[in-house]
Amino acid sequence: MKKPLALLLLFITFSPILIFLQVSPSKAQTSGDWPMFRKDPVHSGYSSEETSLKPPLQLLWRSSRASGAPNSPVVSDGKVFVEFAGRLFAHNALTGDLIWSKDTPASLHSSAALANDTIFEGNPCTSNCGVVAHNTETGNEKWRLDLLPNGAGDPNLENGILYFGSHNFVKAADMYTGKLLWTSPPLNDGVIAVPAISNGRVFVGTWSGLFYSLSSSDGTILWQFHTGGVTYSSPSVTNDTVYVGSGTQNVYAIDIETGKEKWTYTGGKDSVWGSPTIAYGNLYVQDLSGHVHALDINNGNLIWLYRTLATGNTSVSSPAVANGVVYVGSQDKNIYALDAYTGNVLWQYQTDGAVYSSPAISNGKLFVSSDDGYLYAFGNIESTPTPTPTPIPLMGSFELPYSYPSRLLNDTAQFKSAFWDKMRALFDHAYQTEIFRPFTGDSYPSCINPTSCYDSHNGIDFSGTGNQDVYSVSIGNVVYTSPHTNEGCTPEPGGFGCVVIAKQTSGVYGLYAHLDKINVNTGDRLSASIKIGEMGATGCPGCGEHLHFGVLKPIKNVASLLLINFMKNAQ
């Protein structure tokens, strides 16, 4: 079995978990919450309540940047919680506003679970050694259970009891008082996975590859099963079967009563450290190489397989499923939305860091944390028509498509003087000999620094530096992108290089050309200020780093394909 980087190993293995207790009916969780790791005690990873979330998604908000590796977010009572390397953050789930943040004892995290007004944090003995209970409204400590010399791993909870690994043991504690209830017999070589709870049993794997079923009442060993390799995957349970991945590149289905193997899937491309998700009669799981597998839950037959662009031995994100879509993160920095029945990519979003965490789905939103230091919230934004251009447009109707210190202008006068007077002619083109011209008449608007204008050039050039971010200018849809990967793009013929073409809700098209990198795909839904890509000099290496931006308006019912072909081949 291949072992991931030590940092990744520590990041997942020795981590606190957050558990929120339900003690007040007025603050009870709703069915749409994602209150713990993998959503529930059985680790289904599936939200049957979610019916509105549908790709393509738009970025609703992004948190302020934190430092360090994050855990997987969890959501309850209108709040989303996430940890970044020793600091816990509570955000308003609707707006992203920070409610509070607090230093936590451990600096390496995996995941969390929520219930109400108490957070339980398990800590290895590299920091505070044991379990600490905090108030969810303030972060203040309520009680502490010291567990020298072994500390505590990531807990799960059910019926008022907290279950967690502690070196070679599983322990149970009363979540209201912190009283230790029982300790299991030794389980051989370290409990490293988050336990799953179902039918009076606790299911957990170990570093040695032994997988155990314990009595949830006293920790008695009911049976054990050897997976043949490190059992880092947290198990998932449905009906009479528990499912778990292993370091042997296999996924196992095991009878929960007898501990006997029902079936084994041997098609993993690397060790299976991600946790399985159960939905629609299928099992969804990612292996370390970034392959996402969909299996028939009854026999383990492969239904579909999708390969992300992750490098080997690095992807540990566990899928979250809702409304017919599988959401999963990847080491390649992307968040993917895959059709649950076919594996086709419905949408993806590239962050600036690896996505090792597992997504959470709650009340029409997708929450994902990335190693770039941000917590992201995605959802569906109802489109509204772009306001009709006027000499002084409504705020938010248009923005410069590149970043500068005051790009998000605060008053219409500043907006007008900085940009609108220079660009409004672009909305009044003449259609002549199948050529779309950005300006009409003999006079052309003067250009503002740092730009220059050209006739028969179909746009305005914005000079800048390499890798400068380029943003969408309004609500719309991507209708064309040059071929691209996470590393770069293939320039189009005709001098525009790598391009993105977006149709705005007003009916005009925006052309972004000479890009060095592209961050969107055909069919993506855009809102203002979504990152399109990065400035470059593709198609015209001698021109220097710049963005060619054109606003093109087809008339006489010209087909969009004609427009696209023109822009691809225009000089």
Protein backbone atom coordinates (compact mmCIF):
# COMPACT_ATOMS: atom_id res chain seq x y z
CA MET A 1 0.00 0.00 0.00
CA LYS A 2 1.22 3.50 -0.80
CA LYS A 3 1.32 5.93 2.09
CA PRO A 4 0.36 9.59 1.53
CA LEU A 5 2.50 12.47 2.60
CA ALA A 6 3.09 12.66 6.32
CA LEU A 7 1.33 16.00 6.49
CA LEU A 8 -1.80 14.56 4.93
CA LEU A 9 -1.63 11.59 7.27
CA LEU A 10 -1.44 13.82 10.33
CA PHE A 11 -4.10 16.11 8.97
CA ILE A 12 -6.68 13.36 8.83
CA THR A 13 -5.61 11.10 11.66
CA PHE A 14 -5.05 13.31 14.67
CA SER A 15 -7.89 15.77 14.67
CA PRO A 16 -10.56 17.19 16.91
CA ILE A 17 -14.24 16.81 16.09
CA LEU A 18 -17.09 19.08 17.00
CA ILE A 19 -20.36 17.73 18.29
CA PHE A 20 -23.38 19.88 19.04
CA LEU A 21 -25.91 18.69 21.56
CA GLN A 22 -29.63 19.01 21.17
CA VAL A 23 -30.94 20.23 24.49
CA SER A 24 -33.50 22.83 23.56
CA PRO A 25 -36.50 22.19 21.32
CA SER A 26 -36.39 25.81 20.22
CA LYS A 27 -32.93 25.25 18.80
CA ALA A 28 -33.47 21.77 17.39
CA GLN A 29 -31.74 20.85 14.17
CA THR A 30 -33.76 20.89 11.01
CA SER A 31 -33.90 18.01 8.57
CA GLY A 32 -31.82 20.00 6.09
CA ASP A 33 -28.83 20.31 8.42
CA TRP A 34 -25.50 18.51 7.90
CA PRO A 35 -24.73 18.16 11.59
CA MET A 36 -21.71 15.82 11.67
CA PHE A 37 -19.09 14.05 9.59
CA ARG A 38 -20.85 12.31 6.68
CA LYS A 39 -24.14 13.92 7.85
CA ASP A 40 -25.38 11.24 10.30
CA PRO A 41 -24.20 8.52 12.72
CA VAL A 42 -24.29 5.86 9.96
CA HIS A 43 -22.12 8.07 7.68
CA SER A 44 -24.52 7.92 4.74
CA GLY A 45 -23.14 11.13 3.18
CA TYR A 46 -26.55 11.63 1.55
CA SER A 47 -29.16 14.37 2.00
CA SER A 48 -32.60 13.10 1.02
CA GLU A 49 -34.12 16.42 2.12
CA GLU A 50 -32.20 18.50 -0.41
CA THR A 51 -34.25 19.05 -3.59
CA SER A 52 -33.33 22.56 -4.76
CA LEU A 53 -29.55 22.44 -5.23
CA LYS A 54 -28.78 21.85 -8.91
CA PRO A 55 -25.64 22.43 -11.03
CA PRO A 56 -24.34 24.64 -12.41
CA LEU A 57 -23.74 26.36 -9.09
CA GLN A 58 -22.65 29.92 -8.40
CA LEU A 59 -20.35 31.16 -5.67
CA LEU A 60 -22.55 32.72 -2.99
CA TRP A 61 -19.77 33.79 -0.65
CA ARG A 62 -16.22 33.03 0.39
CA SER A 63 -14.87 33.49 3.89
CA SER A 64 -11.92 35.61 4.86
CA ARG A 65 -8.67 33.75 4.40
CA ALA A 66 -7.40 31.58 7.25
CA SER A 67 -4.07 29.79 7.59
CA GLY A 68 -3.38 26.08 7.62
CA ALA A 69 -5.25 22.98 6.54
CA PRO A 70 -9.04 22.89 7.10
CA ASN A 71 -11.42 20.24 8.31
CA SER A 72 -14.73 19.38 6.65
CA PRO A 73 -17.47 21.94 7.32
CA VAL A 74 -20.66 21.08 9.19
CA VAL A 75 -23.93 23.00 9.30
CA SER A 76 -26.73 23.43 11.83
CA ASP A 77 -29.16 26.09 13.02
CA GLY A 78 -28.16 28.55 10.29
CA LYS A 79 -24.45 28.37 11.09
CA VAL A 80 -21.56 26.68 9.34
CA PHE A 81 -18.48 25.68 11.32
CA VAL A 82 -14.99 24.91 10.06
CA GLU A 83 -11.53 24.67 11.54
CA PHE A 84 -8.30 25.85 9.97
CA ALA A 85 -5.17 24.55 11.73
CA GLY A 86 -5.95 25.37 15.31
CA ARG A 87 -8.72 27.94 14.97
CA LEU A 88 -12.45 27.28 14.87
CA PHE A 89 -14.70 29.61 12.86
CA ALA A 90 -18.48 30.03 13.08
CA HIS A 91 -20.08 31.71 10.06
CA ASN A 92 -23.59 32.74 9.16
CA ALA A 93 -24.55 30.06 6.61
CA LEU A 94 -26.63 32.50 4.55
CA THR A 95 -24.25 35.45 4.31
CA GLY A 96 -20.85 34.09 5.32
CA ASP A 97 -20.48 36.74 8.03
CA LEU A 98 -18.12 35.67 10.80
CA ILE A 99 -20.00 35.10 14.08
CA TRP A 100 -16.99 34.18 16.19
CA SER A 101 -13.66 32.40 16.05
CA LYS A 102 -11.62 30.70 18.72
CA ASP A 103 -8.23 29.05 19.07
CA THR A 104 -8.53 25.29 19.52
CA PRO A 105 -6.05 23.03 21.30
CA ALA A 106 -5.01 20.89 18.33
CA SER A 107 -3.51 22.25 15.12
CA LEU A 108 -4.48 19.40 12.82
CA HIS A 109 -8.10 18.58 12.05
CA SER A 110 -10.31 16.19 10.13
CA SER A 111 -14.02 16.75 10.56
CA ALA A 112 -16.88 17.80 12.79
CA ALA A 113 -20.47 17.14 13.84
CA LEU A 114 -23.22 19.45 15.12
CA ALA A 115 -26.28 19.26 17.37
CA ASN A 116 -27.05 22.36 19.42
CA ASP A 117 -25.35 24.38 22.08
CA THR A 118 -22.30 22.24 22.85
CA ILE A 119 -19.21 21.47 20.77
CA PHE A 120 -17.11 18.41 21.61
CA GLU A 121 -13.50 18.48 20.53
CA GLY A 122 -11.26 15.41 20.63
CA ASN A 123 -7.54 16.09 20.95
CA PRO A 124 -4.45 13.88 20.71
CA CYS A 125 -1.80 14.23 23.35
CA THR A 126 0.26 16.55 21.19
CA SER A 127 -1.99 19.26 22.66
CA ASN A 128 -4.79 19.17 25.24
CA CYS A 129 -5.08 15.46 25.84
CA GLY A 130 -8.74 14.37 25.75
CA VAL A 131 -12.20 15.75 25.01
CA VAL A 132 -13.30 19.34 25.60
CA ALA A 133 -16.88 20.63 25.50
CA HIS A 134 -17.49 24.20 24.31
CA ASN A 135 -20.57 26.40 24.08
CA THR A 136 -21.53 26.81 20.40
CA GLU A 137 -22.74 30.38 20.82
CA THR A 138 -19.56 31.71 22.44
CA GLY A 139 -16.90 28.99 22.19
CA ASN A 140 -16.47 29.06 25.98
CA GLU A 141 -15.41 25.81 27.63
CA LYS A 142 -18.12 23.85 29.49
CA TRP A 143 -16.26 20.75 30.63
CA ARG A 144 -13.12 18.72 29.94
CA LEU A 145 -12.38 14.97 29.99
CA ASP A 146 -8.63 14.32 30.37
CA LEU A 147 -7.43 11.11 28.69
CA LEU A 148 -3.71 10.82 29.40
CA PRO A 149 -1.60 9.43 27.85
CA ASN A 150 -3.49 8.63 24.64
CA GLY A 151 -5.87 11.53 24.02
CA ALA A 152 -8.92 11.31 21.77
CA GLY A 153 -9.56 11.04 18.05
CA ASP A 154 -12.54 12.11 15.98
CA PRO A 155 -15.86 11.33 17.72
CA ASN A 156 -19.30 10.33 16.50
CA LEU A 157 -22.47 10.60 18.59
CA GLU A 158 -25.84 8.99 19.01
CA ASN A 159 -28.50 9.07 21.73
CA GLY A 160 -26.53 11.28 24.09
CA ILE A 161 -23.31 9.26 23.90
CA LEU A 162 -20.03 10.30 22.35
CA TYR A 163 -17.90 7.56 20.70
CA PHE A 164 -14.27 8.09 19.75
CA GLY A 165 -10.95 6.32 19.24
CA SER A 166 -8.15 6.67 21.75
CA HIS A 167 -4.95 4.98 20.56
CA ASN A 168 -5.70 1.21 20.65
CA PHE A 169 -9.16 1.63 22.17
CA VAL A 170 -12.64 2.95 21.49
CA LYS A 171 -14.20 4.91 24.34
CA ALA A 172 -17.69 6.19 25.09
CA ALA A 173 -18.56 9.26 27.19
CA ASP A 174 -21.73 10.99 28.31
CA MET A 175 -21.98 14.06 26.11
CA TYR A 176 -23.79 16.13 28.76
CA THR A 177 -21.39 15.57 31.67
CA GLY A 178 -18.20 14.24 30.09
CA LYS A 179 -18.31 11.14 32.27
CA LEU A 180 -16.41 8.21 30.75
CA LEU A 181 -18.86 5.31 30.29
CA TRP A 182 -16.73 2.48 28.95
CA THR A 183 -13.45 1.54 27.26
CA SER A 184 -13.19 -1.29 24.76
CA PRO A 185 -10.59 -4.09 24.89
CA PRO A 186 -7.35 -3.33 22.99
CA LEU A 187 -8.04 -3.17 19.22
CA ASN A 188 -4.52 -3.70 17.86
CA ASP A 189 -2.31 -0.99 16.36
CA GLY A 190 -4.39 2.12 16.63
CA VAL A 191 -7.92 3.33 15.90
CA ILE A 192 -7.60 5.86 13.09
CA ALA A 193 -11.04 6.11 11.48
CA VAL A 194 -14.15 7.94 12.67
CA PRO A 195 -16.54 5.30 14.08
CA ALA A 196 -19.96 4.72 12.53
CA ILE A 197 -22.94 3.90 14.77
CA SER A 198 -25.91 1.71 13.84
CA ASN A 199 -28.20 -0.91 15.39
CA GLY A 200 -26.50 -0.89 18.78
CA ARG A 201 -23.07 -1.36 17.23
CA VAL A 202 -19.94 0.74 16.79
CA PHE A 203 -17.95 0.08 13.59
CA VAL A 204 -14.33 1.20 13.33
CA GLY A 205 -11.10 0.36 11.52
CA THR A 206 -7.47 0.28 12.65
CA TRP A 207 -4.00 0.89 11.25
CA SER A 208 -3.29 -2.85 11.18
CA GLY A 209 -6.21 -3.48 8.82
CA LEU A 210 -8.50 -5.06 11.39
CA PHE A 211 -12.07 -3.80 11.22
CA TYR A 212 -14.25 -4.18 14.35
CA SER A 213 -17.87 -4.32 15.39
CA LEU A 214 -18.35 -3.37 19.06
CA SER A 215 -21.37 -3.26 21.33
CA SER A 216 -22.42 0.37 21.75
CA SER A 217 -23.54 -0.39 25.33
CA ASP A 218 -20.24 -1.63 26.78
CA GLY A 219 -17.58 -1.82 24.02
CA THR A 220 -17.52 -5.62 23.85
CA ILE A 221 -15.96 -6.94 20.63
CA LEU A 222 -18.71 -8.63 18.60
CA TRP A 223 -16.56 -9.57 15.59
CA GLN A 224 -13.51 -8.52 13.62
CA PHE A 225 -12.74 -8.59 9.90
CA HIS A 226 -9.31 -8.28 8.24
CA THR A 227 -9.25 -5.90 5.27
CA GLY A 228 -5.64 -6.71 4.42
CA GLY A 229 -4.46 -3.11 4.65
CA VAL A 230 -4.75 0.01 6.77
CA THR A 231 -8.43 0.81 7.36
CA TYR A 232 -8.34 4.58 7.18
CA SER A 233 -11.74 4.85 5.53
CA SER A 234 -14.60 5.61 7.91
CA PRO A 235 -17.35 3.03 7.38
CA SER A 236 -20.91 3.61 6.17
CA VAL A 237 -23.90 1.51 7.20
CA THR A 238 -27.28 0.79 5.65
CA ASN A 239 -29.79 -1.93 6.58
CA ASP A 240 -27.77 -5.06 7.42
CA THR A 241 -24.48 -4.15 5.72
CA VAL A 242 -21.44 -2.04 6.59
CA TYR A 243 -19.18 -0.77 3.80
CA VAL A 244 -15.54 0.24 4.17
CA GLY A 245 -12.48 0.93 1.99
CA SER A 246 -8.96 -0.23 2.71
CA GLY A 247 -5.29 0.14 1.88
CA THR A 248 -5.53 -2.92 -0.37
CA GLN A 249 -7.35 -0.79 -2.98
CA ASN A 250 -10.53 -2.72 -2.16
CA VAL A 251 -14.00 -1.83 -0.92
CA TYR A 252 -15.73 -4.39 1.31
CA ALA A 253 -19.39 -5.09 2.08
CA ILE A 254 -19.71 -6.90 5.41
CA ASP A 255 -22.74 -8.39 7.16
CA ILE A 256 -23.26 -6.39 10.35
CA GLU A 257 -24.53 -9.41 12.34
CA THR A 258 -21.95 -12.02 11.40
CA GLY A 259 -18.95 -10.04 10.18
CA LYS A 260 -18.88 -12.17 7.03
CA GLU A 261 -17.90 -10.72 3.68
CA LYS A 262 -20.81 -10.17 1.28
CA TRP A 263 -18.78 -8.88 -1.65
CA THR A 264 -15.44 -7.22 -2.42
CA TYR A 265 -14.74 -4.62 -5.08
CA THR A 266 -11.13 -4.88 -6.27
CA GLY A 267 -11.15 -2.09 -8.87
CA GLY A 268 -9.56 0.68 -6.82
CA LYS A 269 -6.65 2.40 -8.58
CA ASP A 270 -5.00 3.16 -5.24
CA SER A 271 -5.78 2.78 -1.55
CA VAL A 272 -9.37 3.68 -0.67
CA TRP A 273 -9.15 6.16 2.20
CA GLY A 274 -12.24 8.15 1.35
CA SER A 275 -15.46 7.16 3.11
CA PRO A 276 -18.24 5.55 1.05
CA THR A 277 -21.50 7.40 0.42
CA ILE A 278 -24.80 5.52 0.10
CA ALA A 279 -27.58 6.81 -2.19
CA TYR A 280 -29.96 5.57 -4.91
CA GLY A 281 -28.95 1.94 -4.37
CA ASN A 282 -25.33 2.86 -5.15
CA LEU A 283 -22.08 3.29 -3.26
CA TYR A 284 -19.87 6.26 -4.18
CA VAL A 285 -16.23 6.41 -3.06
CA GLN A 286 -12.96 8.10 -4.11
CA ASP A 287 -9.57 6.40 -3.98
CA LEU A 288 -6.26 8.14 -3.30
CA SER A 289 -5.45 8.49 -7.01
CA GLY A 290 -8.56 10.66 -7.54
CA HIS A 291 -10.79 8.04 -9.20
CA VAL A 292 -14.44 8.29 -8.15
CA HIS A 293 -16.20 4.90 -8.27
CA ALA A 294 -19.94 4.26 -8.37
CA LEU A 295 -20.81 0.70 -7.35
CA ASP A 296 -24.00 -1.34 -7.16
CA ILE A 297 -24.64 -1.61 -3.45
CA ASN A 298 -25.98 -5.16 -3.81
CA ASN A 299 -23.05 -6.82 -5.55
CA GLY A 300 -20.20 -4.31 -5.88
CA ASN A 301 -20.36 -4.15 -9.68
CA LEU A 302 -18.90 -0.99 -11.20
CA ILE A 303 -21.55 1.35 -12.62
CA TRP A 304 -19.28 4.21 -13.67
CA LEU A 305 -15.79 5.56 -13.00
CA TYR A 306 -14.58 9.17 -13.18
CA ARG A 307 -10.95 10.23 -13.08
CA THR A 308 -10.10 13.64 -11.61
CA LEU A 309 -6.77 15.29 -12.39
CA ALA A 310 -5.34 14.52 -8.95
CA THR A 311 -1.82 13.18 -8.71
CA GLY A 312 -1.54 9.74 -7.16
CA ASN A 313 -1.75 8.95 -3.48
CA THR A 314 -3.37 12.24 -2.41
CA SER A 315 -7.19 12.42 -2.71
CA VAL A 316 -9.12 11.69 0.47
CA SER A 317 -12.29 13.77 0.06
CA SER A 318 -15.46 11.76 0.66
CA PRO A 319 -18.43 12.37 -1.65
CA ALA A 320 -21.63 14.13 -0.56
CA VAL A 321 -24.77 13.32 -2.53
CA ALA A 322 -28.07 15.16 -2.99
CA ASN A 323 -30.68 15.65 -5.69
CA GLY A 324 -29.07 13.19 -8.09
CA VAL A 325 -25.60 14.77 -7.90
CA VAL A 326 -22.32 13.57 -6.39
CA TYR A 327 -20.14 16.39 -5.00
CA VAL A 328 -16.51 15.63 -4.21
CA GLY A 329 -13.24 17.51 -3.76
CA SER A 330 -9.87 16.62 -5.26
CA GLN A 331 -6.20 17.23 -4.76
CA ASP A 332 -6.29 18.89 -8.20
CA LYS A 333 -7.92 21.93 -6.46
CA ASN A 334 -11.34 21.33 -8.01
CA ILE A 335 -14.77 20.70 -6.56
CA TYR A 336 -16.70 18.38 -8.87
CA ALA A 337 -20.41 17.84 -9.40
CA LEU A 338 -21.01 14.48 -11.12
CA ASP A 339 -24.26 12.97 -12.34
CA ALA A 340 -25.06 10.26 -9.79
CA TYR A 341 -26.33 7.90 -12.50
CA THR A 342 -23.82 8.43 -15.30
CA GLY A 343 -20.72 10.04 -13.77
CA ASN A 344 -20.84 12.90 -16.28
CA VAL A 345 -19.39 16.20 -15.07
CA LEU A 346 -22.21 18.67 -14.49
CA TRP A 347 -20.10 21.46 -12.99
CA GLN A 348 -16.73 22.07 -11.41
CA TYR A 349 -15.05 24.94 -9.61
CA GLN A 350 -11.34 25.43 -9.16
CA THR A 351 -10.04 26.80 -5.87
CA ASP A 352 -6.46 27.88 -5.27
CA GLY A 353 -5.60 24.90 -3.08
CA ALA A 354 -6.12 21.16 -2.79
CA VAL A 355 -9.56 20.10 -1.57
CA TYR A 356 -8.95 17.26 0.88
CA SER A 357 -12.04 18.02 2.95
CA SER A 358 -15.48 16.50 2.38
CA PRO A 359 -18.37 18.73 1.23
CA ALA A 360 -21.47 19.45 3.31
CA ILE A 361 -24.92 20.08 1.82
CA SER A 362 -27.55 22.05 3.69
CA ASN A 363 -30.68 24.01 2.78
CA GLY A 364 -29.87 24.64 -0.87
CA LYS A 365 -26.15 25.27 -0.38
CA LEU A 366 -22.89 23.39 -0.85
CA PHE A 367 -20.11 24.16 1.63
CA VAL A 368 -16.50 23.20 0.92
CA SER A 369 -13.21 24.16 2.56
CA SER A 370 -9.92 24.26 0.65
CA ASP A 371 -6.25 24.28 1.49
CA ASP A 372 -6.14 27.79 0.01
CA GLY A 373 -7.50 28.97 3.38
CA TYR A 374 -11.09 29.69 2.35
CA LEU A 375 -14.50 28.28 3.14
CA TYR A 376 -16.76 28.41 0.08
CA ALA A 377 -20.55 28.46 -0.17
CA PHE A 378 -22.21 27.62 -3.49
CA GLY A 379 -25.83 27.63 -4.57
CA ASN A 380 -28.21 28.65 -7.31
CA ILE A 381 -28.78 32.35 -8.01
CA GLU A 382 -31.99 33.28 -9.76
CA SER A 383 -31.04 35.16 -12.90
CA THR A 384 -32.36 38.66 -13.42
CA PRO A 385 -32.11 40.65 -16.64
CA THR A 386 -29.08 42.88 -16.97
CA PRO A 387 -30.22 46.52 -16.71
CA THR A 388 -30.46 48.40 -20.02
CA PRO A 389 -27.23 50.37 -20.41
CA THR A 390 -27.53 54.06 -19.65
CA PRO A 391 -24.88 56.75 -19.38
CA ILE A 392 -24.95 56.16 -15.62
CA PRO A 393 -25.83 52.49 -15.12
CA LEU A 394 -27.37 50.92 -12.09
CA MET A 395 -24.77 49.68 -9.67
CA GLY A 396 -23.76 46.10 -10.28
CA SER A 397 -24.79 46.09 -13.94
CA PHE A 398 -21.22 46.15 -15.18
CA GLU A 399 -17.67 46.10 -13.88
CA LEU A 400 -14.20 46.29 -15.30
CA PRO A 401 -13.15 42.75 -16.11
CA TYR A 402 -9.83 42.89 -14.37
CA SER A 403 -8.68 43.49 -10.82
CA TYR A 404 -7.48 46.87 -9.63
CA PRO A 405 -7.63 48.57 -6.20
CA SER A 406 -11.09 50.11 -6.65
CA ARG A 407 -12.63 47.63 -9.09
CA LEU A 408 -15.80 47.36 -7.05
CA LEU A 409 -16.74 51.01 -7.40
CA ASN A 410 -18.91 52.54 -4.70
CA ASP A 411 -20.66 55.37 -6.52
CA THR A 412 -22.15 55.81 -9.96
CA ALA A 413 -20.20 58.94 -10.75
CA GLN A 414 -16.90 57.18 -10.19
CA PHE A 415 -18.16 54.23 -12.19
CA LYS A 416 -19.16 56.47 -15.08
CA SER A 417 -15.94 58.43 -15.25
CA ALA A 418 -13.74 55.38 -14.87
CA PHE A 419 -15.36 53.05 -17.34
CA TRP A 420 -18.86 53.49 -18.64
CA ASP A 421 -18.20 56.40 -21.01
CA LYS A 422 -15.39 54.38 -22.55
CA MET A 423 -17.42 51.24 -23.15
CA ARG A 424 -21.01 52.22 -23.85
CA ALA A 425 -20.40 52.47 -27.62
CA LEU A 426 -19.74 48.75 -27.61
CA PHE A 427 -23.48 48.12 -27.18
CA ASP A 428 -24.35 49.79 -30.49
CA HIS A 429 -22.56 47.89 -33.23
CA ALA A 430 -23.26 47.71 -36.92
CA TYR A 431 -23.40 44.35 -38.62
CA GLN A 432 -21.28 44.74 -41.74
CA THR A 433 -20.04 41.90 -43.97
CA GLU A 434 -20.37 39.42 -41.11
CA ILE A 435 -17.97 41.45 -38.96
CA PHE A 436 -18.93 42.63 -35.51
CA ARG A 437 -17.32 45.97 -34.79
CA PRO A 438 -16.98 47.36 -31.28
CA PHE A 439 -17.45 50.97 -32.30
CA THR A 440 -19.57 52.91 -34.80
CA GLY A 441 -18.90 56.07 -36.76
CA ASP A 442 -15.59 57.79 -37.34
CA SER A 443 -14.81 58.67 -33.73
CA TYR A 444 -13.86 56.23 -31.03
CA PRO A 445 -13.84 56.64 -27.27
CA SER A 446 -10.51 57.57 -25.83
CA CYS A 447 -8.91 54.91 -23.71
CA ILE A 448 -8.10 55.10 -20.04
CA ASN A 449 -4.81 53.97 -18.59
CA PRO A 450 -3.71 51.23 -18.70
CA THR A 451 -5.63 50.49 -21.93
CA SER A 452 -5.35 51.14 -25.63
CA CYS A 453 -7.98 50.94 -28.38
CA TYR A 454 -7.79 49.81 -31.97
CA ASP A 455 -10.18 49.97 -34.93
CA SER A 456 -11.09 46.62 -36.52
CA HIS A 457 -9.81 45.13 -33.31
CA ASN A 458 -13.25 44.40 -31.84
CA GLY A 459 -12.52 45.33 -28.28
CA ILE A 460 -10.30 47.08 -25.79
CA ASP A 461 -6.93 45.92 -24.50
CA PHE A 462 -6.26 46.10 -20.77
CA SER A 463 -2.55 45.78 -20.10
CA GLY A 464 -1.32 44.19 -16.91
CA THR A 465 1.02 41.64 -15.45
CA GLY A 466 1.19 37.91 -15.95
CA ASN A 467 -1.27 35.75 -13.99
CA GLN A 468 -3.44 38.77 -13.15
CA ASP A 469 -6.96 37.56 -12.39
CA VAL A 470 -9.68 38.23 -14.97
CA TYR A 471 -13.32 38.40 -13.81
CA SER A 472 -16.72 38.03 -15.42
CA VAL A 473 -18.44 41.36 -16.00
CA SER A 474 -22.07 40.40 -15.51
CA ILE A 475 -24.59 37.61 -15.07
CA GLY A 476 -24.64 35.13 -17.94
CA ASN A 477 -23.56 31.74 -19.26
CA VAL A 478 -20.29 30.51 -20.74
CA VAL A 479 -20.96 29.48 -24.35
CA TYR A 480 -17.39 28.64 -25.37
CA THR A 481 -13.93 28.10 -23.90
CA SER A 482 -10.68 27.16 -25.57
CA PRO A 483 -9.46 23.66 -24.69
CA HIS A 484 -7.86 23.83 -21.27
CA THR A 485 -6.66 21.97 -18.20
CA ASN A 486 -5.67 23.14 -14.73
CA GLU A 487 -2.16 23.80 -16.03
CA GLY A 488 -2.91 25.85 -19.12
CA CYS A 489 -4.86 26.18 -22.36
CA THR A 490 -4.58 25.59 -26.10
CA PRO A 491 -4.65 28.85 -28.12
CA GLU A 492 -7.24 29.29 -30.88
CA PRO A 493 -6.15 30.10 -34.44
CA GLY A 494 -6.46 33.69 -35.59
CA GLY A 495 -4.57 35.66 -32.97
CA PHE A 496 -6.95 35.78 -29.99
CA GLY A 497 -5.15 32.91 -28.25
CA CYS A 498 -7.04 31.25 -25.39
CA VAL A 499 -10.55 32.66 -25.14
CA VAL A 500 -13.73 32.55 -23.08
CA ILE A 501 -17.02 33.66 -24.65
CA ALA A 502 -19.96 34.39 -22.35
CA LYS A 503 -23.51 35.32 -23.28
CA GLN A 504 -24.90 37.92 -20.90
CA THR A 505 -28.56 38.06 -19.93
CA SER A 506 -28.96 41.22 -22.01
CA GLY A 507 -28.17 39.18 -25.13
CA VAL A 508 -24.70 40.59 -25.81
CA TYR A 509 -21.60 38.44 -25.78
CA GLY A 510 -18.42 39.09 -23.83
CA LEU A 511 -15.09 37.98 -25.34
CA TYR A 512 -12.11 37.47 -23.03
CA ALA A 513 -8.97 36.80 -25.08
CA HIS A 514 -5.22 36.13 -24.74
CA LEU A 515 -5.82 34.27 -21.45
CA ASP A 516 -3.02 32.25 -19.92
CA LYS A 517 -5.33 30.08 -17.82
CA ILE A 518 -9.07 29.40 -17.94
CA ASN A 519 -11.13 28.72 -14.80
CA VAL A 520 -14.60 28.14 -16.29
CA ASN A 521 -16.20 25.65 -18.65
CA THR A 522 -18.85 25.74 -21.34
CA GLY A 523 -22.27 25.81 -19.67
CA ASP A 524 -21.09 27.41 -16.44
CA ARG A 525 -23.42 30.00 -14.95
CA LEU A 526 -21.72 33.31 -14.21
CA SER A 527 -22.41 36.16 -11.87
CA ALA A 528 -20.47 39.40 -11.67
CA SER A 529 -16.94 39.03 -10.32
CA ILE A 530 -16.54 35.28 -10.92
CA LYS A 531 -12.94 34.52 -11.88
CA ILE A 532 -12.82 33.72 -15.62
CA GLY A 533 -9.11 33.00 -15.81
CA GLU A 534 -5.72 34.68 -15.76
CA MET A 535 -4.27 37.35 -18.07
CA GLY A 536 -1.65 36.24 -20.56
CA ALA A 537 -0.26 36.79 -24.05
CA THR A 538 -1.47 33.66 -25.85
CA GLY A 539 -2.08 34.16 -29.56
CA CYS A 540 0.14 37.24 -29.61
CA PRO A 541 3.35 36.60 -27.65
CA GLY A 542 4.93 39.83 -28.84
CA CYS A 543 2.03 41.96 -27.59
CA GLY A 544 2.86 41.58 -23.92
CA GLU A 545 0.58 40.49 -21.09
CA HIS A 546 -2.91 41.92 -21.58
CA LEU A 547 -6.61 41.15 -21.67
CA HIS A 548 -8.52 41.75 -24.89
CA PHE A 549 -12.11 42.37 -23.85
CA GLY A 550 -14.87 42.87 -26.39
CA VAL A 551 -18.62 43.32 -25.96
CA LEU A 552 -20.31 42.01 -29.09
CA LYS A 553 -23.95 42.27 -30.01
CA PRO A 554 -25.35 40.10 -32.81
CA ILE A 555 -28.20 41.64 -34.81
CA LYS A 556 -30.40 40.43 -37.65
CA ASN A 557 -30.84 37.16 -35.72
CA VAL A 558 -27.30 36.08 -36.41
CA ALA A 559 -26.71 32.62 -34.93
CA SER A 560 -24.42 32.46 -31.91
CA LEU A 561 -22.35 29.83 -33.75
CA LEU A 562 -21.49 32.42 -36.39
CA LEU A 563 -20.43 34.80 -33.66
CA ILE A 564 -18.26 32.18 -32.00
CA ASN A 565 -16.64 31.14 -35.26
CA PHE A 566 -15.92 34.78 -36.05
CA MET A 567 -14.32 35.46 -32.71
CA LYS A 568 -12.23 32.30 -32.91
CA ASN A 569 -10.79 33.21 -36.29
CA ALA A 570 -10.71 37.02 -36.22
CA GLN A 571 -7.36 38.69 -36.29
